[in-house]
Amino acid sequence: MGWRNRVAAFWIRRRRRPISATKTIALTFGAIILLGACLLTLPAASRSGISCGFRPALFTATSATCVTGLVLYDTWSQWSGFGQVVIISLIQIGGLGFMSAATLFVFLLHK
């Protein structure tokens, strides 16, 4: 067996398997939550101009994306207009819009 055949056999064994649709949706959902949390930690997202910290922002982003409605702070008194837009965007993405887009994306990838 020549060195080229050994290299080819090595790469064939090591090639990555495609990520399943379920894992793709879960990873994208997590990425959206992290992006929302990072946006909510910005000082521009707070009415006082002081960051609320990562954990409260992560909880708020997770709650908004999962459309549960749980909050640590009153939305009107804590979050500025920018923060409220981020929260409402997370609610919209986490609802029917995200699942519809993800399903369409997965179906398009498999064709």
PDB file of N, CA and C in Angstrom:
ATOM      1  N   MET A   1       0.862  -1.180   0.000  1.00  0.00           N
ATOM      2  CA  MET A   1       0.000   0.000   0.000  1.00  0.00           C
ATOM      3  C   MET A   1       0.901   1.232   0.000  1.00  0.00           C
ATOM      4  N   GLY A   2       0.735   2.075  -0.989  1.00  0.00           N
ATOM      5  CA  GLY A   2       1.537   3.279  -1.114  1.00  0.00           C
ATOM      6  C   GLY A   2       1.110   4.348  -0.118  1.00  0.00           C
ATOM      7  N   TRP A   3       1.952   5.361   0.013  1.00  0.00           N
ATOM      8  CA  TRP A   3       1.656   6.420   0.989  1.00  0.00           C
ATOM      9  C   TRP A   3       0.413   7.211   0.616  1.00  0.00           C
ATOM     10  N   ARG A   4       0.141   7.337  -0.674  1.00  0.00           N
ATOM     11  CA  ARG A   4      -1.060   8.053  -1.107  1.00  0.00           C
ATOM     12  C   ARG A   4      -2.328   7.306  -0.687  1.00  0.00           C
ATOM     13  N   ASN A   5      -2.303   5.998  -0.812  1.00  0.00           N
ATOM     14  CA  ASN A   5      -3.464   5.208  -0.399  1.00  0.00           C
ATOM     15  C   ASN A   5      -3.664   5.282   1.106  1.00  0.00           C
ATOM     16  N   ARG A   6      -2.566   5.286   1.867  1.00  0.00           N
ATOM     17  CA  ARG A   6      -2.689   5.390   3.330  1.00  0.00           C
ATOM     18  C   ARG A   6      -3.252   6.738   3.733  1.00  0.00           C
ATOM     19  N   VAL A   7      -2.804   7.809   3.066  1.00  0.00           N
ATOM     20  CA  VAL A   7      -3.325   9.142   3.367  1.00  0.00           C
ATOM     21  C   VAL A   7      -4.799   9.228   3.000  1.00  0.00           C
ATOM     22  N   ALA A   8      -5.171   8.694   1.856  1.00  0.00           N
ATOM     23  CA  ALA A   8      -6.573   8.724   1.435  1.00  0.00           C
ATOM     24  C   ALA A   8      -7.443   7.920   2.400  1.00  0.00           C
ATOM     25  N   ALA A   9      -6.963   6.759   2.824  1.00  0.00           N
ATOM     26  CA  ALA A   9      -7.729   5.938   3.765  1.00  0.00           C
ATOM     27  C   ALA A   9      -7.878   6.659   5.098  1.00  0.00           C
ATOM     28  N   PHE A  10      -6.827   7.359   5.534  1.00  0.00           N
ATOM     29  CA  PHE A  10      -6.894   8.118   6.789  1.00  0.00           C
ATOM     30  C   PHE A  10      -7.959   9.211   6.709  1.00  0.00           C
ATOM     31  N   TRP A  11      -7.970   9.965   5.620  1.00  0.00           N
ATOM     32  CA  TRP A  11      -8.931  11.061   5.497  1.00  0.00           C
ATOM     33  C   TRP A  11     -10.357  10.562   5.300  1.00  0.00           C
ATOM     34  N   ILE A  12     -10.527   9.429   4.671  1.00  0.00           N
ATOM     35  CA  ILE A  12     -11.870   8.878   4.517  1.00  0.00           C
ATOM     36  C   ILE A  12     -12.418   8.455   5.875  1.00  0.00           C
ATOM     37  N   ARG A  13     -11.585   7.854   6.712  1.00  0.00           N
ATOM     38  CA  ARG A  13     -12.032   7.462   8.054  1.00  0.00           C
ATOM     39  C   ARG A  13     -12.304   8.672   8.922  1.00  0.00           C
ATOM     40  N   ARG A  14     -11.554   9.755   8.744  1.00  0.00           N
ATOM     41  CA  ARG A  14     -11.630  10.917   9.618  1.00  0.00           C
ATOM     42  C   ARG A  14     -12.616  11.988   9.158  1.00  0.00           C
ATOM     43  N   ARG A  15     -13.233  11.841   8.002  1.00  0.00           N
ATOM     44  CA  ARG A  15     -14.110  12.901   7.521  1.00  0.00           C
ATOM     45  C   ARG A  15     -15.289  13.069   8.471  1.00  0.00           C
ATOM     46  N   ARG A  16     -15.744  14.282   8.538  1.00  0.00           N
ATOM     47  CA  ARG A  16     -16.806  14.623   9.475  1.00  0.00           C
ATOM     48  C   ARG A  16     -18.160  14.205   8.938  1.00  0.00           C
ATOM     49  N   ARG A  17     -18.973  13.778   9.844  1.00  0.00           N
ATOM     50  CA  ARG A  17     -20.348  13.453   9.498  1.00  0.00           C
ATOM     51  C   ARG A  17     -21.154  14.749   9.504  1.00  0.00           C
ATOM     52  N   PRO A  18     -22.145  14.872   8.649  1.00  0.00           N
ATOM     53  CA  PRO A  18     -22.960  16.093   8.661  1.00  0.00           C
ATOM     54  C   PRO A  18     -23.768  16.182   9.962  1.00  0.00           C
ATOM     55  N   ILE A  19     -23.979  17.400  10.414  1.00  0.00           N
ATOM     56  CA  ILE A  19     -24.743  17.630  11.630  1.00  0.00           C
ATOM     57  C   ILE A  19     -26.218  17.407  11.323  1.00  0.00           C
ATOM     58  N   SER A  20     -26.905  16.714  12.221  1.00  0.00           N
ATOM     59  CA  SER A  20     -28.323  16.427  12.001  1.00  0.00           C
ATOM     60  C   SER A  20     -29.143  17.710  12.110  1.00  0.00           C
ATOM     61  N   ALA A  21     -30.353  17.644  11.622  1.00  0.00           N
ATOM     62  CA  ALA A  21     -31.235  18.810  11.640  1.00  0.00           C
ATOM     63  C   ALA A  21     -31.553  19.230  13.071  1.00  0.00           C
ATOM     64  N   THR A  22     -31.722  18.275  13.957  1.00  0.00           N
ATOM     65  CA  THR A  22     -32.030  18.579  15.350  1.00  0.00           C
ATOM     66  C   THR A  22     -30.882  19.333  16.006  1.00  0.00           C
ATOM     67  N   LYS A  23     -29.670  18.875  15.767  1.00  0.00           N
ATOM     68  CA  LYS A  23     -28.503  19.549  16.338  1.00  0.00           C
ATOM     69  C   LYS A  23     -28.332  20.944  15.747  1.00  0.00           C
ATOM     70  N   THR A  24     -28.613  21.089  14.467  1.00  0.00           N
ATOM     71  CA  THR A  24     -28.511  22.401  13.823  1.00  0.00           C
ATOM     72  C   THR A  24     -29.480  23.390  14.450  1.00  0.00           C
ATOM     73  N   ILE A  25     -30.706  22.962  14.672  1.00  0.00           N
ATOM     74  CA  ILE A  25     -31.711  23.845  15.279  1.00  0.00           C
ATOM     75  C   ILE A  25     -31.317  24.194  16.705  1.00  0.00           C
ATOM     76  N   ALA A  26     -30.852  23.211  17.485  1.00  0.00           N
ATOM     77  CA  ALA A  26     -30.461  23.464  18.875  1.00  0.00           C
ATOM     78  C   ALA A  26     -29.258  24.409  18.961  1.00  0.00           C
ATOM     79  N   LEU A  27     -28.269  24.204  18.105  1.00  0.00           N
ATOM     80  CA  LEU A  27     -27.092  25.078  18.106  1.00  0.00           C
ATOM     81  C   LEU A  27     -27.442  26.498  17.679  1.00  0.00           C
ATOM     82  N   THR A  28     -28.310  26.633  16.696  1.00  0.00           N
ATOM     83  CA  THR A  28     -28.727  27.957  16.255  1.00  0.00           C
ATOM     84  C   THR A  28     -29.535  28.658  17.335  1.00  0.00           C
ATOM     85  N   PHE A  29     -30.387  27.913  18.015  1.00  0.00           N
ATOM     86  CA  PHE A  29     -31.180  28.457  19.118  1.00  0.00           C
ATOM     87  C   PHE A  29     -30.257  28.973  20.220  1.00  0.00           C
ATOM     88  N   GLY A  30     -29.234  28.191  20.565  1.00  0.00           N
ATOM     89  CA  GLY A  30     -28.261  28.622  21.573  1.00  0.00           C
ATOM     90  C   GLY A  30     -27.463  29.836  21.132  1.00  0.00           C
ATOM     91  N   ALA A  31     -27.099  29.883  19.863  1.00  0.00           N
ATOM     92  CA  ALA A  31     -26.349  31.034  19.348  1.00  0.00           C
ATOM     93  C   ALA A  31     -27.189  32.305  19.390  1.00  0.00           C
ATOM     94  N   ILE A  32     -28.481  32.186  19.081  1.00  0.00           N
ATOM     95  CA  ILE A  32     -29.377  33.350  19.143  1.00  0.00           C
ATOM     96  C   ILE A  32     -29.484  33.858  20.575  1.00  0.00           C
ATOM     97  N   ILE A  33     -29.586  32.938  21.540  1.00  0.00           N
ATOM     98  CA  ILE A  33     -29.670  33.332  22.945  1.00  0.00           C
ATOM     99  C   ILE A  33     -28.390  34.036  23.374  1.00  0.00           C
ATOM    100  N   LEU A  34     -27.233  33.497  23.009  1.00  0.00           N
ATOM    101  CA  LEU A  34     -25.963  34.139  23.382  1.00  0.00           C
ATOM    102  C   LEU A  34     -25.800  35.507  22.730  1.00  0.00           C
ATOM    103  N   LEU A  35     -26.196  35.627  21.479  1.00  0.00           N
ATOM    104  CA  LEU A  35     -26.118  36.923  20.808  1.00  0.00           C
ATOM    105  C   LEU A  35     -27.026  37.936  21.486  1.00  0.00           C
ATOM    106  N   GLY A  36     -28.242  37.525  21.824  1.00  0.00           N
ATOM    107  CA  GLY A  36     -29.159  38.416  22.532  1.00  0.00           C
ATOM    108  C   GLY A  36     -28.632  38.821  23.896  1.00  0.00           C
ATOM    109  N   ALA A  37     -28.020  37.870  24.617  1.00  0.00           N
ATOM    110  CA  ALA A  37     -27.445  38.183  25.930  1.00  0.00           C
ATOM    111  C   ALA A  37     -26.297  39.180  25.795  1.00  0.00           C
ATOM    112  N   CYS A  38     -25.467  38.989  24.786  1.00  0.00           N
ATOM    113  CA  CYS A  38     -24.353  39.934  24.574  1.00  0.00           C
ATOM    114  C   CYS A  38     -24.876  41.330  24.232  1.00  0.00           C
ATOM    115  N   LEU A  39     -25.925  41.402  23.435  1.00  0.00           N
ATOM    116  CA  LEU A  39     -26.508  42.709  23.105  1.00  0.00           C
ATOM    117  C   LEU A  39     -27.143  43.365  24.327  1.00  0.00           C
ATOM    118  N   LEU A  40     -27.749  42.554  25.205  1.00  0.00           N
ATOM    119  CA  LEU A  40     -28.375  43.120  26.402  1.00  0.00           C
ATOM    120  C   LEU A  40     -27.365  43.538  27.461  1.00  0.00           C
ATOM    121  N   THR A  41     -26.136  43.050  27.386  1.00  0.00           N
ATOM    122  CA  THR A  41     -25.110  43.487  28.339  1.00  0.00           C
ATOM    123  C   THR A  41     -24.492  44.821  27.955  1.00  0.00           C
ATOM    124  N   LEU A  42     -24.760  45.282  26.744  1.00  0.00           N
ATOM    125  CA  LEU A  42     -24.216  46.574  26.337  1.00  0.00           C
ATOM    126  C   LEU A  42     -24.837  47.699  27.172  1.00  0.00           C
ATOM    127  N   PRO A  43     -24.058  48.723  27.502  1.00  0.00           N
ATOM    128  CA  PRO A  43     -24.616  49.850  28.259  1.00  0.00           C
ATOM    129  C   PRO A  43     -25.765  50.550  27.533  1.00  0.00           C
ATOM    130  N   ALA A  44     -25.776  50.496  26.214  1.00  0.00           N
ATOM    131  CA  ALA A  44     -26.844  51.138  25.438  1.00  0.00           C
ATOM    132  C   ALA A  44     -28.182  50.438  25.646  1.00  0.00           C
ATOM    133  N   ALA A  45     -28.174  49.199  26.107  1.00  0.00           N
ATOM    134  CA  ALA A  45     -29.421  48.464  26.297  1.00  0.00           C
ATOM    135  C   ALA A  45     -30.084  48.798  27.632  1.00  0.00           C
ATOM    136  N   SER A  46     -29.365  49.461  28.523  1.00  0.00           N
ATOM    137  CA  SER A  46     -29.893  49.782  29.842  1.00  0.00           C
ATOM    138  C   SER A  46     -30.305  51.251  29.908  1.00  0.00           C
ATOM    139  N   ARG A  47     -31.371  51.554  30.628  1.00  0.00           N
ATOM    140  CA  ARG A  47     -31.806  52.946  30.775  1.00  0.00           C
ATOM    141  C   ARG A  47     -30.789  53.779  31.535  1.00  0.00           C
ATOM    142  N   SER A  48     -30.131  53.167  32.510  1.00  0.00           N
ATOM    143  CA  SER A  48     -29.170  53.913  33.326  1.00  0.00           C
ATOM    144  C   SER A  48     -27.827  54.093  32.627  1.00  0.00           C
ATOM    145  N   GLY A  49     -27.592  53.356  31.565  1.00  0.00           N
ATOM    146  CA  GLY A  49     -26.319  53.447  30.865  1.00  0.00           C
ATOM    147  C   GLY A  49     -25.239  52.577  31.488  1.00  0.00           C
ATOM    148  N   ILE A  50     -25.622  51.751  32.462  1.00  0.00           N
ATOM    149  CA  ILE A  50     -24.690  50.835  33.129  1.00  0.00           C
ATOM    150  C   ILE A  50     -25.132  49.412  32.789  1.00  0.00           C
ATOM    151  N   SER A  51     -24.182  48.578  32.415  1.00  0.00           N
ATOM    152  CA  SER A  51     -24.506  47.210  32.047  1.00  0.00           C
ATOM    153  C   SER A  51     -25.128  46.463  33.225  1.00  0.00           C
ATOM    154  N   CYS A  52     -26.100  45.635  32.952  1.00  0.00           N
ATOM    155  CA  CYS A  52     -26.773  44.882  34.016  1.00  0.00           C
ATOM    156  C   CYS A  52     -25.991  43.637  34.405  1.00  0.00           C
ATOM    157  N   GLY A  53     -25.006  43.245  33.619  1.00  0.00           N
ATOM    158  CA  GLY A  53     -24.250  42.027  33.876  1.00  0.00           C
ATOM    159  C   GLY A  53     -24.676  40.917  32.938  1.00  0.00           C
ATOM    160  N   PHE A  54     -23.834  39.904  32.843  1.00  0.00           N
ATOM    161  CA  PHE A  54     -24.102  38.847  31.862  1.00  0.00           C
ATOM    162  C   PHE A  54     -25.215  37.902  32.300  1.00  0.00           C
ATOM    163  N   ARG A  55     -25.238  37.521  33.573  1.00  0.00           N
ATOM    164  CA  ARG A  55     -26.245  36.549  34.015  1.00  0.00           C
ATOM    165  C   ARG A  55     -27.680  37.062  33.896  1.00  0.00           C
ATOM    166  N   PRO A  56     -27.990  38.286  34.349  1.00  0.00           N
ATOM    167  CA  PRO A  56     -29.362  38.767  34.126  1.00  0.00           C
ATOM    168  C   PRO A  56     -29.706  38.918  32.643  1.00  0.00           C
ATOM    169  N   ALA A  57     -28.714  39.327  31.848  1.00  0.00           N
ATOM    170  CA  ALA A  57     -28.958  39.460  30.411  1.00  0.00           C
ATOM    171  C   ALA A  57     -29.181  38.088  29.776  1.00  0.00           C
ATOM    172  N   LEU A  58     -28.419  37.090  30.217  1.00  0.00           N
ATOM    173  CA  LEU A  58     -28.591  35.738  29.695  1.00  0.00           C
ATOM    174  C   LEU A  58     -29.957  35.179  30.076  1.00  0.00           C
ATOM    175  N   PHE A  59     -30.387  35.409  31.312  1.00  0.00           N
ATOM    176  CA  PHE A  59     -31.706  34.943  31.741  1.00  0.00           C
ATOM    177  C   PHE A  59     -32.808  35.619  30.934  1.00  0.00           C
ATOM    178  N   THR A  60     -32.688  36.925  30.745  1.00  0.00           N
ATOM    179  CA  THR A  60     -33.703  37.662  29.994  1.00  0.00           C
ATOM    180  C   THR A  60     -33.735  37.210  28.537  1.00  0.00           C
ATOM    181  N   ALA A  61     -32.570  37.024  27.938  1.00  0.00           N
ATOM    182  CA  ALA A  61     -32.511  36.583  26.542  1.00  0.00           C
ATOM    183  C   ALA A  61     -33.068  35.171  26.382  1.00  0.00           C
ATOM    184  N   THR A  62     -32.758  34.295  27.312  1.00  0.00           N
ATOM    185  CA  THR A  62     -33.283  32.936  27.254  1.00  0.00           C
ATOM    186  C   THR A  62     -34.795  32.932  27.417  1.00  0.00           C
ATOM    187  N   SER A  63     -35.275  33.712  28.372  1.00  0.00           N
ATOM    188  CA  SER A  63     -36.713  33.794  28.607  1.00  0.00           C
ATOM    189  C   SER A  63     -37.442  34.381  27.402  1.00  0.00           C
ATOM    190  N   ALA A  64     -36.853  35.393  26.789  1.00  0.00           N
ATOM    191  CA  ALA A  64     -37.494  36.010  25.621  1.00  0.00           C
ATOM    192  C   ALA A  64     -37.479  35.060  24.427  1.00  0.00           C
ATOM    193  N   THR A  65     -36.372  34.373  24.205  1.00  0.00           N
ATOM    194  CA  THR A  65     -36.276  33.475  23.057  1.00  0.00           C
ATOM    195  C   THR A  65     -37.179  32.250  23.230  1.00  0.00           C
ATOM    196  N   CYS A  66     -37.296  31.785  24.449  1.00  0.00           N
ATOM    197  CA  CYS A  66     -38.167  30.631  24.713  1.00  0.00           C
ATOM    198  C   CYS A  66     -39.618  31.047  24.906  1.00  0.00           C
ATOM    199  N   VAL A  67     -39.905  32.332  24.842  1.00  0.00           N
ATOM    200  CA  VAL A  67     -41.242  32.905  24.906  1.00  0.00           C
ATOM    201  C   VAL A  67     -41.957  32.490  26.197  1.00  0.00           C
ATOM    202  N   THR A  68     -41.229  32.576  27.333  1.00  0.00           N
ATOM    203  CA  THR A  68     -41.847  32.244  28.616  1.00  0.00           C
ATOM    204  C   THR A  68     -42.334  33.484  29.351  1.00  0.00           C
ATOM    205  N   GLY A  69     -41.683  34.616  29.170  1.00  0.00           N
ATOM    206  CA  GLY A  69     -42.132  35.858  29.789  1.00  0.00           C
ATOM    207  C   GLY A  69     -41.590  36.106  31.182  1.00  0.00           C
ATOM    208  N   LEU A  70     -40.641  35.314  31.633  1.00  0.00           N
ATOM    209  CA  LEU A  70     -40.041  35.549  32.947  1.00  0.00           C
ATOM    210  C   LEU A  70     -39.004  36.667  32.842  1.00  0.00           C
ATOM    211  N   VAL A  71     -38.991  37.564  33.824  1.00  0.00           N
ATOM    212  CA  VAL A  71     -38.030  38.670  33.812  1.00  0.00           C
ATOM    213  C   VAL A  71     -37.471  38.881  35.219  1.00  0.00           C
ATOM    214  N   LEU A  72     -36.247  39.355  35.279  1.00  0.00           N
ATOM    215  CA  LEU A  72     -35.653  39.743  36.558  1.00  0.00           C
ATOM    216  C   LEU A  72     -35.934  41.197  36.877  1.00  0.00           C
ATOM    217  N   TYR A  73     -36.009  42.012  35.843  1.00  0.00           N
ATOM    218  CA  TYR A  73     -36.247  43.442  35.995  1.00  0.00           C
ATOM    219  C   TYR A  73     -37.482  43.830  35.194  1.00  0.00           C
ATOM    220  N   ASP A  74     -38.142  44.883  35.639  1.00  0.00           N
ATOM    221  CA  ASP A  74     -39.244  45.426  34.867  1.00  0.00           C
ATOM    222  C   ASP A  74     -38.700  45.920  33.530  1.00  0.00           C
ATOM    223  N   THR A  75     -39.315  45.477  32.459  1.00  0.00           N
ATOM    224  CA  THR A  75     -38.792  45.777  31.126  1.00  0.00           C
ATOM    225  C   THR A  75     -38.784  47.277  30.839  1.00  0.00           C
ATOM    226  N   TRP A  76     -39.815  47.977  31.246  1.00  0.00           N
ATOM    227  CA  TRP A  76     -39.890  49.413  30.963  1.00  0.00           C
ATOM    228  C   TRP A  76     -38.851  50.201  31.760  1.00  0.00           C
ATOM    229  N   SER A  77     -38.655  49.864  33.024  1.00  0.00           N
ATOM    230  CA  SER A  77     -37.745  50.660  33.859  1.00  0.00           C
ATOM    231  C   SER A  77     -36.278  50.271  33.686  1.00  0.00           C
ATOM    232  N   GLN A  78     -35.969  49.041  33.291  1.00  0.00           N
ATOM    233  CA  GLN A  78     -34.580  48.600  33.172  1.00  0.00           C
ATOM    234  C   GLN A  78     -34.001  48.830  31.780  1.00  0.00           C
ATOM    235  N   TRP A  79     -34.740  48.472  30.754  1.00  0.00           N
ATOM    236  CA  TRP A  79     -34.183  48.444  29.401  1.00  0.00           C
ATOM    237  C   TRP A  79     -34.544  49.705  28.623  1.00  0.00           C
ATOM    238  N   SER A  80     -33.570  50.208  27.885  1.00  0.00           N
ATOM    239  CA  SER A  80     -33.787  51.366  27.013  1.00  0.00           C
ATOM    240  C   SER A  80     -34.556  50.916  25.773  1.00  0.00           C
ATOM    241  N   GLY A  81     -34.769  51.845  24.855  1.00  0.00           N
ATOM    242  CA  GLY A  81     -35.444  51.501  23.607  1.00  0.00           C
ATOM    243  C   GLY A  81     -34.697  50.431  22.838  1.00  0.00           C
ATOM    244  N   PHE A  82     -33.374  50.541  22.822  1.00  0.00           N
ATOM    245  CA  PHE A  82     -32.545  49.535  22.146  1.00  0.00           C
ATOM    246  C   PHE A  82     -32.716  48.169  22.811  1.00  0.00           C
ATOM    247  N   GLY A  83     -32.680  48.133  24.135  1.00  0.00           N
ATOM    248  CA  GLY A  83     -32.853  46.875  24.857  1.00  0.00           C
ATOM    249  C   GLY A  83     -34.217  46.267  24.625  1.00  0.00           C
ATOM    250  N   GLN A  84     -35.235  47.111  24.558  1.00  0.00           N
ATOM    251  CA  GLN A  84     -36.582  46.611  24.310  1.00  0.00           C
ATOM    252  C   GLN A  84     -36.723  46.059  22.897  1.00  0.00           C
ATOM    253  N   VAL A  85     -36.047  46.694  21.942  1.00  0.00           N
ATOM    254  CA  VAL A  85     -36.065  46.176  20.569  1.00  0.00           C
ATOM    255  C   VAL A  85     -35.367  44.824  20.520  1.00  0.00           C
ATOM    256  N   VAL A  86     -34.265  44.678  21.256  1.00  0.00           N
ATOM    257  CA  VAL A  86     -33.565  43.389  21.302  1.00  0.00           C
ATOM    258  C   VAL A  86     -34.481  42.321  21.890  1.00  0.00           C
ATOM    259  N   ILE A  87     -35.162  42.653  22.981  1.00  0.00           N
ATOM    260  CA  ILE A  87     -36.044  41.680  23.636  1.00  0.00           C
ATOM    261  C   ILE A  87     -37.201  41.287  22.727  1.00  0.00           C
ATOM    262  N   ILE A  88     -37.844  42.255  22.095  1.00  0.00           N
ATOM    263  CA  ILE A  88     -38.973  41.919  21.217  1.00  0.00           C
ATOM    264  C   ILE A  88     -38.493  41.142  19.987  1.00  0.00           C
ATOM    265  N   SER A  89     -37.288  41.431  19.526  1.00  0.00           N
ATOM    266  CA  SER A  89     -36.733  40.661  18.401  1.00  0.00           C
ATOM    267  C   SER A  89     -36.489  39.217  18.815  1.00  0.00           C
ATOM    268  N   LEU A  90     -35.988  39.020  20.025  1.00  0.00           N
ATOM    269  CA  LEU A  90     -35.765  37.659  20.512  1.00  0.00           C
ATOM    270  C   LEU A  90     -37.087  36.904  20.657  1.00  0.00           C
ATOM    271  N   ILE A  91     -38.116  37.609  21.088  1.00  0.00           N
ATOM    272  CA  ILE A  91     -39.426  36.973  21.204  1.00  0.00           C
ATOM    273  C   ILE A  91     -39.923  36.545  19.823  1.00  0.00           C
ATOM    274  N   GLN A  92     -39.765  37.421  18.845  1.00  0.00           N
ATOM    275  CA  GLN A  92     -40.216  37.096  17.489  1.00  0.00           C
ATOM    276  C   GLN A  92     -39.404  35.958  16.881  1.00  0.00           C
ATOM    277  N   ILE A  93     -38.094  36.007  17.049  1.00  0.00           N
ATOM    278  CA  ILE A  93     -37.237  34.959  16.496  1.00  0.00           C
ATOM    279  C   ILE A  93     -37.506  33.633  17.186  1.00  0.00           C
ATOM    280  N   GLY A  94     -37.713  33.668  18.494  1.00  0.00           N
ATOM    281  CA  GLY A  94     -37.938  32.445  19.245  1.00  0.00           C
ATOM    282  C   GLY A  94     -39.282  31.803  18.991  1.00  0.00           C
ATOM    283  N   GLY A  95     -40.201  32.547  18.478  1.00  0.00           N
ATOM    284  CA  GLY A  95     -41.529  32.003  18.212  1.00  0.00           C
ATOM    285  C   GLY A  95     -41.605  31.316  16.876  1.00  0.00           C
ATOM    286  N   LEU A  96     -42.676  31.537  16.226  1.00  0.00           N
ATOM    287  CA  LEU A  96     -42.964  30.854  14.975  1.00  0.00           C
ATOM    288  C   LEU A  96     -41.942  31.181  13.886  1.00  0.00           C
ATOM    289  N   GLY A  97     -41.407  32.402  13.897  1.00  0.00           N
ATOM    290  CA  GLY A  97     -40.472  32.809  12.857  1.00  0.00           C
ATOM    291  C   GLY A  97     -39.213  31.965  12.817  1.00  0.00           C
ATOM    292  N   PHE A  98     -38.630  31.686  13.964  1.00  0.00           N
ATOM    293  CA  PHE A  98     -37.399  30.898  13.994  1.00  0.00           C
ATOM    294  C   PHE A  98     -37.655  29.466  13.534  1.00  0.00           C
ATOM    295  N   MET A  99     -38.702  28.857  14.021  1.00  0.00           N
ATOM    296  CA  MET A  99     -38.971  27.468  13.662  1.00  0.00           C
ATOM    297  C   MET A  99     -39.314  27.342  12.176  1.00  0.00           C
ATOM    298  N   SER A 100     -40.043  28.301  11.652  1.00  0.00           N
ATOM    299  CA  SER A 100     -40.357  28.271  10.224  1.00  0.00           C
ATOM    300  C   SER A 100     -39.099  28.425   9.388  1.00  0.00           C
ATOM    301  N   ALA A 101     -38.261  29.381   9.755  1.00  0.00           N
ATOM    302  CA  ALA A 101     -37.023  29.606   9.007  1.00  0.00           C
ATOM    303  C   ALA A 101     -36.073  28.421   9.138  1.00  0.00           C
ATOM    304  N   ALA A 102     -35.978  27.856  10.323  1.00  0.00           N
ATOM    305  CA  ALA A 102     -35.083  26.715  10.521  1.00  0.00           C
ATOM    306  C   ALA A 102     -35.568  25.500   9.741  1.00  0.00           C
ATOM    307  N   THR A 103     -36.860  25.259   9.744  1.00  0.00           N
ATOM    308  CA  THR A 103     -37.404  24.127   8.994  1.00  0.00           C
ATOM    309  C   THR A 103     -37.169  24.310   7.502  1.00  0.00           C
ATOM    310  N   LEU A 104     -37.412  25.507   7.000  1.00  0.00           N
ATOM    311  CA  LEU A 104     -37.164  25.782   5.590  1.00  0.00           C
ATOM    312  C   LEU A 104     -35.685  25.592   5.252  1.00  0.00           C
ATOM    313  N   PHE A 105     -34.805  26.076   6.117  1.00  0.00           N
ATOM    314  CA  PHE A 105     -33.365  25.953   5.900  1.00  0.00           C
ATOM    315  C   PHE A 105     -32.945  24.489   5.867  1.00  0.00           C
ATOM    316  N   VAL A 106     -33.447  23.681   6.778  1.00  0.00           N
ATOM    317  CA  VAL A 106     -33.090  22.265   6.826  1.00  0.00           C
ATOM    318  C   VAL A 106     -33.593  21.540   5.584  1.00  0.00           C
ATOM    319  N   PHE A 107     -34.815  21.835   5.170  1.00  0.00           N
ATOM    320  CA  PHE A 107     -35.348  21.194   3.962  1.00  0.00           C
ATOM    321  C   PHE A 107     -34.550  21.591   2.730  1.00  0.00           C
ATOM    322  N   LEU A 108     -34.117  22.836   2.656  1.00  0.00           N
ATOM    323  CA  LEU A 108     -33.322  23.279   1.509  1.00  0.00           C
ATOM    324  C   LEU A 108     -31.948  22.624   1.496  1.00  0.00           C
ATOM    325  N   LEU A 109     -31.379  22.363   2.672  1.00  0.00           N
ATOM    326  CA  LEU A 109     -30.070  21.716   2.721  1.00  0.00           C
ATOM    327  C   LEU A 109     -30.123  20.264   2.280  1.00  0.00           C
ATOM    328  N   HIS A 110     -31.226  19.599   2.536  1.00  0.00           N
ATOM    329  CA  HIS A 110     -31.315  18.198   2.210  1.00  0.00           C
ATOM    330  C   HIS A 110     -31.705  17.929   0.767  1.00  0.00           C
ATOM    331  N   LYS A 111     -32.036  18.959   0.023  1.00  0.00           N
ATOM    332  CA  LYS A 111     -32.410  18.754  -1.378  1.00  0.00           C
ATOM    333  C   LYS A 111     -31.258  19.018  -2.297  1.00  0.00           C
TER     334      LYS A 111
END
